[in-house]
Amino acid sequence: MVRKILIIDDEVDFCRLVKKNLEIGGDFKVEIAVNGKDGINLAVKLKPHLILLDILMPDMDGFQVLEELNRGPKKAFVPVIVLSAKGDDATRILALSKQGVKLFINKPIGAGELKNKIKSILRNT
């Protein structure tokens, strides 16, 4: 079964690289949103199996995206991996306290390691 992954991150080159690496082997189909608003809309439309979410984005930060995804009829119930260059303890603790967040990973991360972490979370959900 091919799993749908949504990346919400404003770094386009990073998104393309992660998409390419995750789609190798055919386990995942990856969609990209380069801002929070588009990410929320795609999450509602696509109903992905997992979301990779950045914290630092210009229009809405990752925390605002999480709040929207967990609100009202939009409620996504999707496991989220926060992938962020902002890896201080306060940010990590806050992210992990949010509904749906299963893991916090500091950027950069190797493609193989990320794929293994995604597979592990999807096995347990």
PDB file of N, CA and C in Angstrom:
ATOM      1  N   MET A   1       0.829  -1.178   0.000  1.00  0.00           N
ATOM      2  CA  MET A   1       0.000   0.000   0.000  1.00  0.00           C
ATOM      3  C   MET A   1       0.882   1.253   0.000  1.00  0.00           C
ATOM      4  N   VAL A   2       0.637   2.131  -0.933  1.00  0.00           N
ATOM      5  CA  VAL A   2       1.379   3.379  -1.009  1.00  0.00           C
ATOM      6  C   VAL A   2       0.785   4.353   0.006  1.00  0.00           C
ATOM      7  N   ARG A   3       1.631   4.921   0.836  1.00  0.00           N
ATOM      8  CA  ARG A   3       1.201   5.862   1.873  1.00  0.00           C
ATOM      9  C   ARG A   3       1.390   7.287   1.380  1.00  0.00           C
ATOM     10  N   LYS A   4       0.427   8.155   1.690  1.00  0.00           N
ATOM     11  CA  LYS A   4       0.492   9.559   1.298  1.00  0.00           C
ATOM     12  C   LYS A   4       1.165  10.370   2.403  1.00  0.00           C
ATOM     13  N   ILE A   5       2.190  11.126   2.004  1.00  0.00           N
ATOM     14  CA  ILE A   5       2.920  11.992   2.920  1.00  0.00           C
ATOM     15  C   ILE A   5       2.749  13.424   2.423  1.00  0.00           C
ATOM     16  N   LEU A   6       2.473  14.338   3.340  1.00  0.00           N
ATOM     17  CA  LEU A   6       2.396  15.758   3.011  1.00  0.00           C
ATOM     18  C   LEU A   6       3.534  16.480   3.717  1.00  0.00           C
ATOM     19  N   ILE A   7       4.320  17.215   2.937  1.00  0.00           N
ATOM     20  CA  ILE A   7       5.374  18.051   3.495  1.00  0.00           C
ATOM     21  C   ILE A   7       4.873  19.492   3.492  1.00  0.00           C
ATOM     22  N   ILE A   8       4.911  20.128   4.661  1.00  0.00           N
ATOM     23  CA  ILE A   8       4.563  21.544   4.771  1.00  0.00           C
ATOM     24  C   ILE A   8       5.819  22.264   5.232  1.00  0.00           C
ATOM     25  N   ASP A   9       6.478  22.934   4.285  1.00  0.00           N
ATOM     26  CA  ASP A   9       7.775  23.556   4.556  1.00  0.00           C
ATOM     27  C   ASP A   9       8.028  24.598   3.465  1.00  0.00           C
ATOM     28  N   ASP A  10       8.506  25.765   3.847  1.00  0.00           N
ATOM     29  CA  ASP A  10       8.731  26.836   2.871  1.00  0.00           C
ATOM     30  C   ASP A  10      10.051  26.710   2.118  1.00  0.00           C
ATOM     31  N   GLU A  11      10.892  25.762   2.470  1.00  0.00           N
ATOM     32  CA  GLU A  11      12.164  25.550   1.770  1.00  0.00           C
ATOM     33  C   GLU A  11      11.933  24.597   0.600  1.00  0.00           C
ATOM     34  N   VAL A  12      11.713  25.153  -0.577  1.00  0.00           N
ATOM     35  CA  VAL A  12      11.314  24.373  -1.749  1.00  0.00           C
ATOM     36  C   VAL A  12      12.351  23.315  -2.112  1.00  0.00           C
ATOM     37  N   ASP A  13      13.623  23.664  -2.119  1.00  0.00           N
ATOM     38  CA  ASP A  13      14.659  22.691  -2.478  1.00  0.00           C
ATOM     39  C   ASP A  13      14.685  21.522  -1.498  1.00  0.00           C
ATOM     40  N   PHE A  14      14.538  21.818  -0.217  1.00  0.00           N
ATOM     41  CA  PHE A  14      14.477  20.771   0.805  1.00  0.00           C
ATOM     42  C   PHE A  14      13.292  19.841   0.528  1.00  0.00           C
ATOM     43  N   CYS A  15      12.137  20.427   0.241  1.00  0.00           N
ATOM     44  CA  CYS A  15      10.931  19.632  -0.026  1.00  0.00           C
ATOM     45  C   CYS A  15      11.125  18.703  -1.218  1.00  0.00           C
ATOM     46  N   ARG A  16      11.694  19.239  -2.279  1.00  0.00           N
ATOM     47  CA  ARG A  16      11.914  18.430  -3.496  1.00  0.00           C
ATOM     48  C   ARG A  16      12.865  17.268  -3.231  1.00  0.00           C
ATOM     49  N   LEU A  17      13.908  17.537  -2.451  1.00  0.00           N
ATOM     50  CA  LEU A  17      14.879  16.491  -2.124  1.00  0.00           C
ATOM     51  C   LEU A  17      14.226  15.397  -1.272  1.00  0.00           C
ATOM     52  N   VAL A  18      13.476  15.792  -0.256  1.00  0.00           N
ATOM     53  CA  VAL A  18      12.806  14.811   0.602  1.00  0.00           C
ATOM     54  C   VAL A  18      11.786  14.014  -0.223  1.00  0.00           C
ATOM     55  N   LYS A  19      11.020  14.693  -1.053  1.00  0.00           N
ATOM     56  CA  LYS A  19      10.026  14.029  -1.913  1.00  0.00           C
ATOM     57  C   LYS A  19      10.708  12.963  -2.781  1.00  0.00           C
ATOM     58  N   LYS A  20      11.783  13.359  -3.452  1.00  0.00           N
ATOM     59  CA  LYS A  20      12.503  12.438  -4.329  1.00  0.00           C
ATOM     60  C   LYS A  20      12.984  11.203  -3.559  1.00  0.00           C
ATOM     61  N   ASN A  21      13.596  11.441  -2.392  1.00  0.00           N
ATOM     62  CA  ASN A  21      14.130  10.336  -1.598  1.00  0.00           C
ATOM     63  C   ASN A  21      13.042   9.431  -1.031  1.00  0.00           C
ATOM     64  N   LEU A  22      11.926  10.004  -0.618  1.00  0.00           N
ATOM     65  CA  LEU A  22      10.851   9.177  -0.050  1.00  0.00           C
ATOM     66  C   LEU A  22      10.121   8.374  -1.111  1.00  0.00           C
ATOM     67  N   GLU A  23      10.036   8.907  -2.334  1.00  0.00           N
ATOM     68  CA  GLU A  23       9.287   8.207  -3.385  1.00  0.00           C
ATOM     69  C   GLU A  23      10.089   7.084  -4.040  1.00  0.00           C
ATOM     70  N   ILE A  24      11.404   7.046  -3.796  1.00  0.00           N
ATOM     71  CA  ILE A  24      12.218   5.937  -4.305  1.00  0.00           C
ATOM     72  C   ILE A  24      11.731   4.648  -3.651  1.00  0.00           C
ATOM     73  N   GLY A  25      11.455   3.656  -4.432  1.00  0.00           N
ATOM     74  CA  GLY A  25      10.982   2.380  -3.906  1.00  0.00           C
ATOM     75  C   GLY A  25       9.473   2.241  -3.931  1.00  0.00           C
ATOM     76  N   GLY A  26       8.764   3.332  -4.131  1.00  0.00           N
ATOM     77  CA  GLY A  26       7.320   3.254  -4.293  1.00  0.00           C
ATOM     78  C   GLY A  26       6.500   3.100  -3.030  1.00  0.00           C
ATOM     79  N   ASP A  27       7.112   3.246  -1.855  1.00  0.00           N
ATOM     80  CA  ASP A  27       6.353   3.120  -0.608  1.00  0.00           C
ATOM     81  C   ASP A  27       5.490   4.339  -0.324  1.00  0.00           C
ATOM     82  N   PHE A  28       5.927   5.510  -0.830  1.00  0.00           N
ATOM     83  CA  PHE A  28       5.260   6.761  -0.492  1.00  0.00           C
ATOM     84  C   PHE A  28       4.939   7.585  -1.728  1.00  0.00           C
ATOM     85  N   LYS A  29       3.831   8.302  -1.653  1.00  0.00           N
ATOM     86  CA  LYS A  29       3.474   9.348  -2.612  1.00  0.00           C
ATOM     87  C   LYS A  29       3.509  10.642  -1.822  1.00  0.00           C
ATOM     88  N   VAL A  30       4.327  11.594  -2.237  1.00  0.00           N
ATOM     89  CA  VAL A  30       4.574  12.799  -1.454  1.00  0.00           C
ATOM     90  C   VAL A  30       4.008  14.021  -2.166  1.00  0.00           C
ATOM     91  N   GLU A  31       3.280  14.834  -1.419  1.00  0.00           N
ATOM     92  CA  GLU A  31       2.786  16.124  -1.891  1.00  0.00           C
ATOM     93  C   GLU A  31       3.465  17.206  -1.069  1.00  0.00           C
ATOM     94  N   ILE A  32       3.597  18.391  -1.661  1.00  0.00           N
ATOM     95  CA  ILE A  32       4.313  19.496  -1.034  1.00  0.00           C
ATOM     96  C   ILE A  32       3.418  20.724  -0.941  1.00  0.00           C
ATOM     97  N   ALA A  33       3.468  21.376   0.209  1.00  0.00           N
ATOM     98  CA  ALA A  33       2.876  22.699   0.391  1.00  0.00           C
ATOM     99  C   ALA A  33       3.968  23.605   0.931  1.00  0.00           C
ATOM    100  N   VAL A  34       4.154  24.768   0.307  1.00  0.00           N
ATOM    101  CA  VAL A  34       5.262  25.639   0.703  1.00  0.00           C
ATOM    102  C   VAL A  34       4.839  26.758   1.652  1.00  0.00           C
ATOM    103  N   ASN A  35       3.610  26.664   2.168  1.00  0.00           N
ATOM    104  CA  ASN A  35       3.181  27.592   3.210  1.00  0.00           C
ATOM    105  C   ASN A  35       2.090  26.926   4.039  1.00  0.00           C
ATOM    106  N   GLY A  36       1.830  27.504   5.196  1.00  0.00           N
ATOM    107  CA  GLY A  36       0.898  26.901   6.136  1.00  0.00           C
ATOM    108  C   GLY A  36      -0.520  26.802   5.622  1.00  0.00           C
ATOM    109  N   LYS A  37      -1.021  27.863   4.998  1.00  0.00           N
ATOM    110  CA  LYS A  37      -2.400  27.868   4.504  1.00  0.00           C
ATOM    111  C   LYS A  37      -2.618  26.783   3.456  1.00  0.00           C
ATOM    112  N   ASP A  38      -1.707  26.685   2.484  1.00  0.00           N
ATOM    113  CA  ASP A  38      -1.817  25.636   1.471  1.00  0.00           C
ATOM    114  C   ASP A  38      -1.676  24.255   2.105  1.00  0.00           C
ATOM    115  N   GLY A  39      -0.821  24.153   3.116  1.00  0.00           N
ATOM    116  CA  GLY A  39      -0.644  22.885   3.810  1.00  0.00           C
ATOM    117  C   GLY A  39      -1.913  22.415   4.492  1.00  0.00           C
ATOM    118  N   ILE A  40      -2.606  23.325   5.144  1.00  0.00           N
ATOM    119  CA  ILE A  40      -3.874  22.983   5.803  1.00  0.00           C
ATOM    120  C   ILE A  40      -4.896  22.528   4.761  1.00  0.00           C
ATOM    121  N   ASN A  41      -5.005  23.291   3.677  1.00  0.00           N
ATOM    122  CA  ASN A  41      -5.966  22.938   2.620  1.00  0.00           C
ATOM    123  C   ASN A  41      -5.646  21.580   2.005  1.00  0.00           C
ATOM    124  N   LEU A  42      -4.371  21.313   1.744  1.00  0.00           N
ATOM    125  CA  LEU A  42      -3.985  20.014   1.182  1.00  0.00           C
ATOM    126  C   LEU A  42      -4.226  18.882   2.176  1.00  0.00           C
ATOM    127  N   ALA A  43      -3.962  19.127   3.446  1.00  0.00           N
ATOM    128  CA  ALA A  43      -4.189  18.091   4.460  1.00  0.00           C
ATOM    129  C   ALA A  43      -5.656  17.692   4.503  1.00  0.00           C
ATOM    130  N   VAL A  44      -6.543  18.677   4.437  1.00  0.00           N
ATOM    131  CA  VAL A  44      -7.985  18.397   4.459  1.00  0.00           C
ATOM    132  C   VAL A  44      -8.395  17.662   3.192  1.00  0.00           C
ATOM    133  N   LYS A  45      -7.865  18.096   2.058  1.00  0.00           N
ATOM    134  CA  LYS A  45      -8.238  17.512   0.761  1.00  0.00           C
ATOM    135  C   LYS A  45      -7.661  16.104   0.569  1.00  0.00           C
ATOM    136  N   LEU A  46      -6.369  15.946   0.855  1.00  0.00           N
ATOM    137  CA  LEU A  46      -5.670  14.691   0.554  1.00  0.00           C
ATOM    138  C   LEU A  46      -5.801  13.623   1.633  1.00  0.00           C
ATOM    139  N   LYS A  47      -6.051  14.047   2.870  1.00  0.00           N
ATOM    140  CA  LYS A  47      -6.072  13.118   4.000  1.00  0.00           C
ATOM    141  C   LYS A  47      -4.826  12.221   4.000  1.00  0.00           C
ATOM    142  N   PRO A  48      -3.658  12.850   4.169  1.00  0.00           N
ATOM    143  CA  PRO A  48      -2.419  12.077   4.143  1.00  0.00           C
ATOM    144  C   PRO A  48      -2.314  11.136   5.336  1.00  0.00           C
ATOM    145  N   HIS A  49      -1.441  10.163   5.203  1.00  0.00           N
ATOM    146  CA  HIS A  49      -1.179   9.235   6.294  1.00  0.00           C
ATOM    147  C   HIS A  49      -0.245   9.847   7.334  1.00  0.00           C
ATOM    148  N   LEU A  50       0.571  10.843   6.903  1.00  0.00           N
ATOM    149  CA  LEU A  50       1.533  11.484   7.795  1.00  0.00           C
ATOM    150  C   LEU A  50       1.899  12.846   7.224  1.00  0.00           C
ATOM    151  N   ILE A  51       2.181  13.792   8.119  1.00  0.00           N
ATOM    152  CA  ILE A  51       2.616  15.132   7.718  1.00  0.00           C
ATOM    153  C   ILE A  51       4.006  15.392   8.278  1.00  0.00           C
ATOM    154  N   LEU A  52       4.888  15.909   7.409  1.00  0.00           N
ATOM    155  CA  LEU A  52       6.186  16.436   7.826  1.00  0.00           C
ATOM    156  C   LEU A  52       6.019  17.948   7.873  1.00  0.00           C
ATOM    157  N   LEU A  53       6.234  18.548   9.026  1.00  0.00           N
ATOM    158  CA  LEU A  53       5.906  19.949   9.238  1.00  0.00           C
ATOM    159  C   LEU A  53       7.094  20.740   9.764  1.00  0.00           C
ATOM    160  N   ASP A  54       7.369  21.862   9.101  1.00  0.00           N
ATOM    161  CA  ASP A  54       8.390  22.792   9.573  1.00  0.00           C
ATOM    162  C   ASP A  54       7.762  23.746  10.581  1.00  0.00           C
ATOM    163  N   ILE A  55       8.556  24.288  11.470  1.00  0.00           N
ATOM    164  CA  ILE A  55       8.066  25.272  12.440  1.00  0.00           C
ATOM    165  C   ILE A  55       8.193  26.689  11.882  1.00  0.00           C
ATOM    166  N   LEU A  56       9.345  27.007  11.315  1.00  0.00           N
ATOM    167  CA  LEU A  56       9.612  28.371  10.868  1.00  0.00           C
ATOM    168  C   LEU A  56       9.169  28.575   9.424  1.00  0.00           C
ATOM    169  N   MET A  57       8.023  29.231   9.248  1.00  0.00           N
ATOM    170  CA  MET A  57       7.503  29.567   7.922  1.00  0.00           C
ATOM    171  C   MET A  57       6.964  30.993   7.986  1.00  0.00           C
ATOM    172  N   PRO A  58       6.958  31.704   6.865  1.00  0.00           N
ATOM    173  CA  PRO A  58       6.612  33.125   6.902  1.00  0.00           C
ATOM    174  C   PRO A  58       5.141  33.459   7.153  1.00  0.00           C
ATOM    175  N   ASP A  59       4.205  32.746   6.572  1.00  0.00           N
ATOM    176  CA  ASP A  59       2.798  33.145   6.708  1.00  0.00           C
ATOM    177  C   ASP A  59       2.169  32.641   7.997  1.00  0.00           C
ATOM    178  N   MET A  60       2.354  31.398   8.286  1.00  0.00           N
ATOM    179  CA  MET A  60       1.883  30.751   9.522  1.00  0.00           C
ATOM    180  C   MET A  60       3.017  29.862   9.997  1.00  0.00           C
ATOM    181  N   ASP A  61       3.304  29.884  11.275  1.00  0.00           N
ATOM    182  CA  ASP A  61       4.332  28.955  11.733  1.00  0.00           C
ATOM    183  C   ASP A  61       3.719  27.573  11.942  1.00  0.00           C
ATOM    184  N   GLY A  62       4.561  26.616  12.183  1.00  0.00           N
ATOM    185  CA  GLY A  62       4.091  25.239  12.337  1.00  0.00           C
ATOM    186  C   GLY A  62       3.111  25.052  13.482  1.00  0.00           C
ATOM    187  N   PHE A  63       3.259  25.825  14.545  1.00  0.00           N
ATOM    188  CA  PHE A  63       2.328  25.721  15.670  1.00  0.00           C
ATOM    189  C   PHE A  63       0.931  26.180  15.266  1.00  0.00           C
ATOM    190  N   GLN A  64       0.853  27.240  14.471  1.00  0.00           N
ATOM    191  CA  GLN A  64      -0.449  27.705  13.979  1.00  0.00           C
ATOM    192  C   GLN A  64      -1.074  26.677  13.045  1.00  0.00           C
ATOM    193  N   VAL A  65      -0.260  26.043  12.231  1.00  0.00           N
ATOM    194  CA  VAL A  65      -0.762  24.989  11.335  1.00  0.00           C
ATOM    195  C   VAL A  65      -1.347  23.849  12.164  1.00  0.00           C
ATOM    196  N   LEU A  66      -0.622  23.428  13.203  1.00  0.00           N
ATOM    197  CA  LEU A  66      -1.115  22.358  14.070  1.00  0.00           C
ATOM    198  C   LEU A  66      -2.446  22.725  14.712  1.00  0.00           C
ATOM    199  N   GLU A  67      -2.557  23.966  15.182  1.00  0.00           N
ATOM    200  CA  GLU A  67      -3.818  24.404  15.794  1.00  0.00           C
ATOM    201  C   GLU A  67      -4.968  24.302  14.808  1.00  0.00           C
ATOM    202  N   GLU A  68      -4.738  24.729  13.572  1.00  0.00           N
ATOM    203  CA  GLU A  68      -5.794  24.664  12.551  1.00  0.00           C
ATOM    204  C   GLU A  68      -6.144  23.221  12.199  1.00  0.00           C
ATOM    205  N   LEU A  69      -5.140  22.376  12.096  1.00  0.00           N
ATOM    206  CA  LEU A  69      -5.392  20.975  11.746  1.00  0.00           C
ATOM    207  C   LEU A  69      -6.177  20.244  12.833  1.00  0.00           C
ATOM    208  N   ASN A  70      -6.072  20.709  14.058  1.00  0.00           N
ATOM    209  CA  ASN A  70      -6.737  20.050  15.180  1.00  0.00           C
ATOM    210  C   ASN A  70      -8.018  20.750  15.609  1.00  0.00           C
ATOM    211  N   ARG A  71      -8.535  21.626  14.774  1.00  0.00           N
ATOM    212  CA  ARG A  71      -9.710  22.424  15.114  1.00  0.00           C
ATOM    213  C   ARG A  71     -10.928  22.001  14.291  1.00  0.00           C
ATOM    214  N   GLY A  72     -12.053  21.925  14.950  1.00  0.00           N
ATOM    215  CA  GLY A  72     -13.365  21.786  14.314  1.00  0.00           C
ATOM    216  C   GLY A  72     -13.457  20.744  13.217  1.00  0.00           C
ATOM    217  N   PRO A  73     -14.220  21.055  12.166  1.00  0.00           N
ATOM    218  CA  PRO A  73     -14.457  20.077  11.103  1.00  0.00           C
ATOM    219  C   PRO A  73     -13.215  19.766  10.278  1.00  0.00           C
ATOM    220  N   LYS A  74     -12.186  20.603  10.368  1.00  0.00           N
ATOM    221  CA  LYS A  74     -10.942  20.347   9.644  1.00  0.00           C
ATOM    222  C   LYS A  74     -10.098  19.285  10.336  1.00  0.00           C
ATOM    223  N   LYS A  75     -10.464  18.911  11.548  1.00  0.00           N
ATOM    224  CA  LYS A  75      -9.633  18.048  12.377  1.00  0.00           C
ATOM    225  C   LYS A  75      -9.042  16.902  11.550  1.00  0.00           C
ATOM    226  N   ALA A  76      -7.750  16.831  11.516  1.00  0.00           N
ATOM    227  CA  ALA A  76      -7.063  15.928  10.592  1.00  0.00           C
ATOM    228  C   ALA A  76      -6.781  14.537  11.169  1.00  0.00           C
ATOM    229  N   PHE A  77      -6.518  14.413  12.461  1.00  0.00           N
ATOM    230  CA  PHE A  77      -6.152  13.131  13.072  1.00  0.00           C
ATOM    231  C   PHE A  77      -5.027  12.448  12.296  1.00  0.00           C
ATOM    232  N   VAL A  78      -4.027  13.206  11.960  1.00  0.00           N
ATOM    233  CA  VAL A  78      -2.903  12.706  11.178  1.00  0.00           C
ATOM    234  C   VAL A  78      -1.647  12.784  12.037  1.00  0.00           C
ATOM    235  N   PRO A  79      -0.838  11.725  12.062  1.00  0.00           N
ATOM    236  CA  PRO A  79       0.424  11.834  12.790  1.00  0.00           C
ATOM    237  C   PRO A  79       1.337  12.853  12.113  1.00  0.00           C
ATOM    238  N   VAL A  80       2.046  13.610  12.937  1.00  0.00           N
ATOM    239  CA  VAL A  80       2.914  14.678  12.444  1.00  0.00           C
ATOM    240  C   VAL A  80       4.330  14.457  12.959  1.00  0.00           C
ATOM    241  N   ILE A  81       5.286  14.626  12.049  1.00  0.00           N
ATOM    242  CA  ILE A  81       6.691  14.716  12.428  1.00  0.00           C
ATOM    243  C   ILE A  81       7.094  16.159  12.200  1.00  0.00           C
ATOM    244  N   VAL A  82       7.549  16.813  13.246  1.00  0.00           N
ATOM    245  CA  VAL A  82       8.058  18.166  13.111  1.00  0.00           C
ATOM    246  C   VAL A  82       9.522  18.053  12.715  1.00  0.00           C
ATOM    247  N   LEU A  83       9.850  18.655  11.568  1.00  0.00           N
ATOM    248  CA  LEU A  83      11.213  18.686  11.037  1.00  0.00           C
ATOM    249  C   LEU A  83      11.640  20.145  11.024  1.00  0.00           C
ATOM    250  N   SER A  84      12.543  20.531  11.897  1.00  0.00           N
ATOM    251  CA  SER A  84      12.850  21.955  12.002  1.00  0.00           C
ATOM    252  C   SER A  84      14.319  22.198  12.300  1.00  0.00           C
ATOM    253  N   ALA A  85      14.808  23.315  11.786  1.00  0.00           N
ATOM    254  CA  ALA A  85      16.161  23.753  12.122  1.00  0.00           C
ATOM    255  C   ALA A  85      16.176  24.414  13.497  1.00  0.00           C
ATOM    256  N   LYS A  86      15.007  24.777  13.994  1.00  0.00           N
ATOM    257  CA  LYS A  86      14.897  25.406  15.317  1.00  0.00           C
ATOM    258  C   LYS A  86      14.719  24.298  16.350  1.00  0.00           C
ATOM    259  N   GLY A  87      15.828  23.809  16.874  1.00  0.00           N
ATOM    260  CA  GLY A  87      15.784  22.630  17.724  1.00  0.00           C
ATOM    261  C   GLY A  87      16.073  22.874  19.192  1.00  0.00           C
ATOM    262  N   ASP A  88      15.853  24.101  19.663  1.00  0.00           N
ATOM    263  CA  ASP A  88      16.101  24.362  21.083  1.00  0.00           C
ATOM    264  C   ASP A  88      15.092  23.589  21.942  1.00  0.00           C
ATOM    265  N   ASP A  89      15.425  23.406  23.211  1.00  0.00           N
ATOM    266  CA  ASP A  89      14.586  22.597  24.103  1.00  0.00           C
ATOM    267  C   ASP A  89      13.159  23.121  24.212  1.00  0.00           C
ATOM    268  N   ALA A  90      12.989  24.430  24.309  1.00  0.00           N
ATOM    269  CA  ALA A  90      11.644  24.999  24.460  1.00  0.00           C
ATOM    270  C   ALA A  90      10.781  24.695  23.240  1.00  0.00           C
ATOM    271  N   THR A  91      11.347  24.830  22.043  1.00  0.00           N
ATOM    272  CA  THR A  91      10.598  24.548  20.818  1.00  0.00           C
ATOM    273  C   THR A  91      10.258  23.065  20.736  1.00  0.00           C
ATOM    274  N   ARG A  92      11.233  22.228  21.057  1.00  0.00           N
ATOM    275  CA  ARG A  92      11.022  20.776  21.010  1.00  0.00           C
ATOM    276  C   ARG A  92       9.915  20.361  21.990  1.00  0.00           C
ATOM    277  N   ILE A  93       9.975  20.855  23.207  1.00  0.00           N
ATOM    278  CA  ILE A  93       8.972  20.499  24.221  1.00  0.00           C
ATOM    279  C   ILE A  93       7.591  20.986  23.812  1.00  0.00           C
ATOM    280  N   LEU A  94       7.512  22.210  23.318  1.00  0.00           N
ATOM    281  CA  LEU A  94       6.223  22.746  22.878  1.00  0.00           C
ATOM    282  C   LEU A  94       5.661  21.936  21.721  1.00  0.00           C
ATOM    283  N   ALA A  95       6.488  21.607  20.745  1.00  0.00           N
ATOM    284  CA  ALA A  95       6.023  20.827  19.592  1.00  0.00           C
ATOM    285  C   ALA A  95       5.510  19.457  20.023  1.00  0.00           C
ATOM    286  N   LEU A  96       6.254  18.789  20.873  1.00  0.00           N
ATOM    287  CA  LEU A  96       5.859  17.439  21.294  1.00  0.00           C
ATOM    288  C   LEU A  96       4.621  17.429  22.185  1.00  0.00           C
ATOM    289  N   SER A  97       4.259  18.588  22.722  1.00  0.00           N
ATOM    290  CA  SER A  97       3.051  18.665  23.550  1.00  0.00           C
ATOM    291  C   SER A  97       1.785  18.845  22.710  1.00  0.00           C
ATOM    292  N   LYS A  98       1.949  19.106  21.425  1.00  0.00           N
ATOM    293  CA  LYS A  98       0.799  19.364  20.554  1.00  0.00           C
ATOM    294  C   LYS A  98       0.163  18.057  20.089  1.00  0.00           C
ATOM    295  N   GLN A  99      -1.150  18.081  19.995  1.00  0.00           N
ATOM    296  CA  GLN A  99      -1.901  16.919  19.536  1.00  0.00           C
ATOM    297  C   GLN A  99      -1.438  16.504  18.146  1.00  0.00           C
ATOM    298  N   GLY A 100      -1.178  15.226  17.986  1.00  0.00           N
ATOM    299  CA  GLY A 100      -0.789  14.683  16.691  1.00  0.00           C
ATOM    300  C   GLY A 100       0.698  14.576  16.462  1.00  0.00           C
ATOM    301  N   VAL A 101       1.507  15.352  17.198  1.00  0.00           N
ATOM    302  CA  VAL A 101       2.950  15.330  16.983  1.00  0.00           C
ATOM    303  C   VAL A 101       3.536  14.069  17.613  1.00  0.00           C
ATOM    304  N   LYS A 102       4.140  13.259  16.773  1.00  0.00           N
ATOM    305  CA  LYS A 102       4.709  11.995  17.222  1.00  0.00           C
ATOM    306  C   LYS A 102       6.217  12.048  17.415  1.00  0.00           C
ATOM    307  N   LEU A 103       6.863  13.012  16.733  1.00  0.00           N
ATOM    308  CA  LEU A 103       8.324  13.047  16.759  1.00  0.00           C
ATOM    309  C   LEU A 103       8.801  14.440  16.375  1.00  0.00           C
ATOM    310  N   PHE A 104       9.904  14.865  16.971  1.00  0.00           N
ATOM    311  CA  PHE A 104      10.565  16.120  16.606  1.00  0.00           C
ATOM    312  C   PHE A 104      11.949  15.762  16.116  1.00  0.00           C
ATOM    313  N   ILE A 105      12.298  16.222  14.916  1.00  0.00           N
ATOM    314  CA  ILE A 105      13.608  15.938  14.325  1.00  0.00           C
ATOM    315  C   ILE A 105      14.261  17.254  13.939  1.00  0.00           C
ATOM    316  N   ASN A 106      15.532  17.397  14.325  1.00  0.00           N
ATOM    317  CA  ASN A 106      16.309  18.551  13.888  1.00  0.00           C
ATOM    318  C   ASN A 106      16.776  18.338  12.452  1.00  0.00           C
ATOM    319  N   LYS A 107      16.664  19.400  11.653  1.00  0.00           N
ATOM    320  CA  LYS A 107      17.255  19.376  10.311  1.00  0.00           C
ATOM    321  C   LYS A 107      18.742  19.636  10.470  1.00  0.00           C
ATOM    322  N   PRO A 108      19.571  19.072   9.651  1.00  0.00           N
ATOM    323  CA  PRO A 108      19.277  18.108   8.600  1.00  0.00           C
ATOM    324  C   PRO A 108      19.203  16.689   9.146  1.00  0.00           C
ATOM    325  N   ILE A 109      18.598  15.809   8.356  1.00  0.00           N
ATOM    326  CA  ILE A 109      18.512  14.387   8.682  1.00  0.00           C
ATOM    327  C   ILE A 109      18.744  13.608   7.390  1.00  0.00           C
ATOM    328  N   GLY A 110      19.387  12.476   7.510  1.00  0.00           N
ATOM    329  CA  GLY A 110      19.630  11.645   6.344  1.00  0.00           C
ATOM    330  C   GLY A 110      18.338  11.036   5.809  1.00  0.00           C
ATOM    331  N   ALA A 111      18.294  10.824   4.515  1.00  0.00           N
ATOM    332  CA  ALA A 111      17.094  10.311   3.856  1.00  0.00           C
ATOM    333  C   ALA A 111      16.693   8.933   4.388  1.00  0.00           C
ATOM    334  N   GLY A 112      17.655   8.049   4.562  1.00  0.00           N
ATOM    335  CA  GLY A 112      17.360   6.708   5.059  1.00  0.00           C
ATOM    336  C   GLY A 112      16.811   6.725   6.472  1.00  0.00           C
ATOM    337  N   GLU A 113      17.400   7.552   7.311  1.00  0.00           N
ATOM    338  CA  GLU A 113      16.936   7.661   8.695  1.00  0.00           C
ATOM    339  C   GLU A 113      15.521   8.224   8.747  1.00  0.00           C
ATOM    340  N   LEU A 114      15.237   9.246   7.944  1.00  0.00           N
ATOM    341  CA  LEU A 114      13.892   9.822   7.913  1.00  0.00           C
ATOM    342  C   LEU A 114      12.872   8.792   7.439  1.00  0.00           C
ATOM    343  N   LYS A 115      13.216   8.065   6.410  1.00  0.00           N
ATOM    344  CA  LYS A 115      12.295   7.050   5.884  1.00  0.00           C
ATOM    345  C   LYS A 115      12.005   5.993   6.947  1.00  0.00           C
ATOM    346  N   ASN A 116      13.017   5.569   7.677  1.00  0.00           N
ATOM    347  CA  ASN A 116      12.823   4.573   8.735  1.00  0.00           C
ATOM    348  C   ASN A 116      11.929   5.103   9.854  1.00  0.00           C
ATOM    349  N   LYS A 117      12.109   6.357  10.223  1.00  0.00           N
ATOM    350  CA  LYS A 117      11.281   6.946  11.279  1.00  0.00           C
ATOM    351  C   LYS A 117       9.826   7.069  10.832  1.00  0.00           C
ATOM    352  N   ILE A 118       9.609   7.439   9.585  1.00  0.00           N
ATOM    353  CA  ILE A 118       8.256   7.521   9.038  1.00  0.00           C
ATOM    354  C   ILE A 118       7.593   6.150   9.054  1.00  0.00           C
ATOM    355  N   LYS A 119       8.303   5.146   8.571  1.00  0.00           N
ATOM    356  CA  LYS A 119       7.752   3.777   8.549  1.00  0.00           C
ATOM    357  C   LYS A 119       7.405   3.296   9.953  1.00  0.00           C
ATOM    358  N   SER A 120       8.267   3.609  10.919  1.00  0.00           N
ATOM    359  CA  SER A 120       8.015   3.202  12.300  1.00  0.00           C
ATOM    360  C   SER A 120       6.740   3.846  12.834  1.00  0.00           C
ATOM    361  N   ILE A 121       6.563   5.126  12.607  1.00  0.00           N
ATOM    362  CA  ILE A 121       5.346   5.811  13.090  1.00  0.00           C
ATOM    363  C   ILE A 121       4.117   5.262  12.388  1.00  0.00           C
ATOM    364  N   LEU A 122       4.199   5.026  11.098  1.00  0.00           N
ATOM    365  CA  LEU A 122       3.031   4.526  10.365  1.00  0.00           C
ATOM    366  C   LEU A 122       2.675   3.094  10.788  1.00  0.00           C
ATOM    367  N   ARG A 123       3.648   2.303  11.184  1.00  0.00           N
ATOM    368  CA  ARG A 123       3.371   0.950  11.684  1.00  0.00           C
ATOM    369  C   ARG A 123       2.589   0.998  12.996  1.00  0.00           C
ATOM    370  N   ASN A 124       2.854   2.038  13.788  1.00  0.00           N
ATOM    371  CA  ASN A 124       2.263   2.140  15.123  1.00  0.00           C
ATOM    372  C   ASN A 124       0.998   2.983  15.173  1.00  0.00           C
ATOM    373  N   THR A 125       0.449   3.370  14.015  1.00  0.00           N
ATOM    374  CA  THR A 125      -0.783   4.156  14.015  1.00  0.00           C
ATOM    375  C   THR A 125      -1.894   3.434  13.289  1.00  0.00           C
TER     376      THR A 125
END
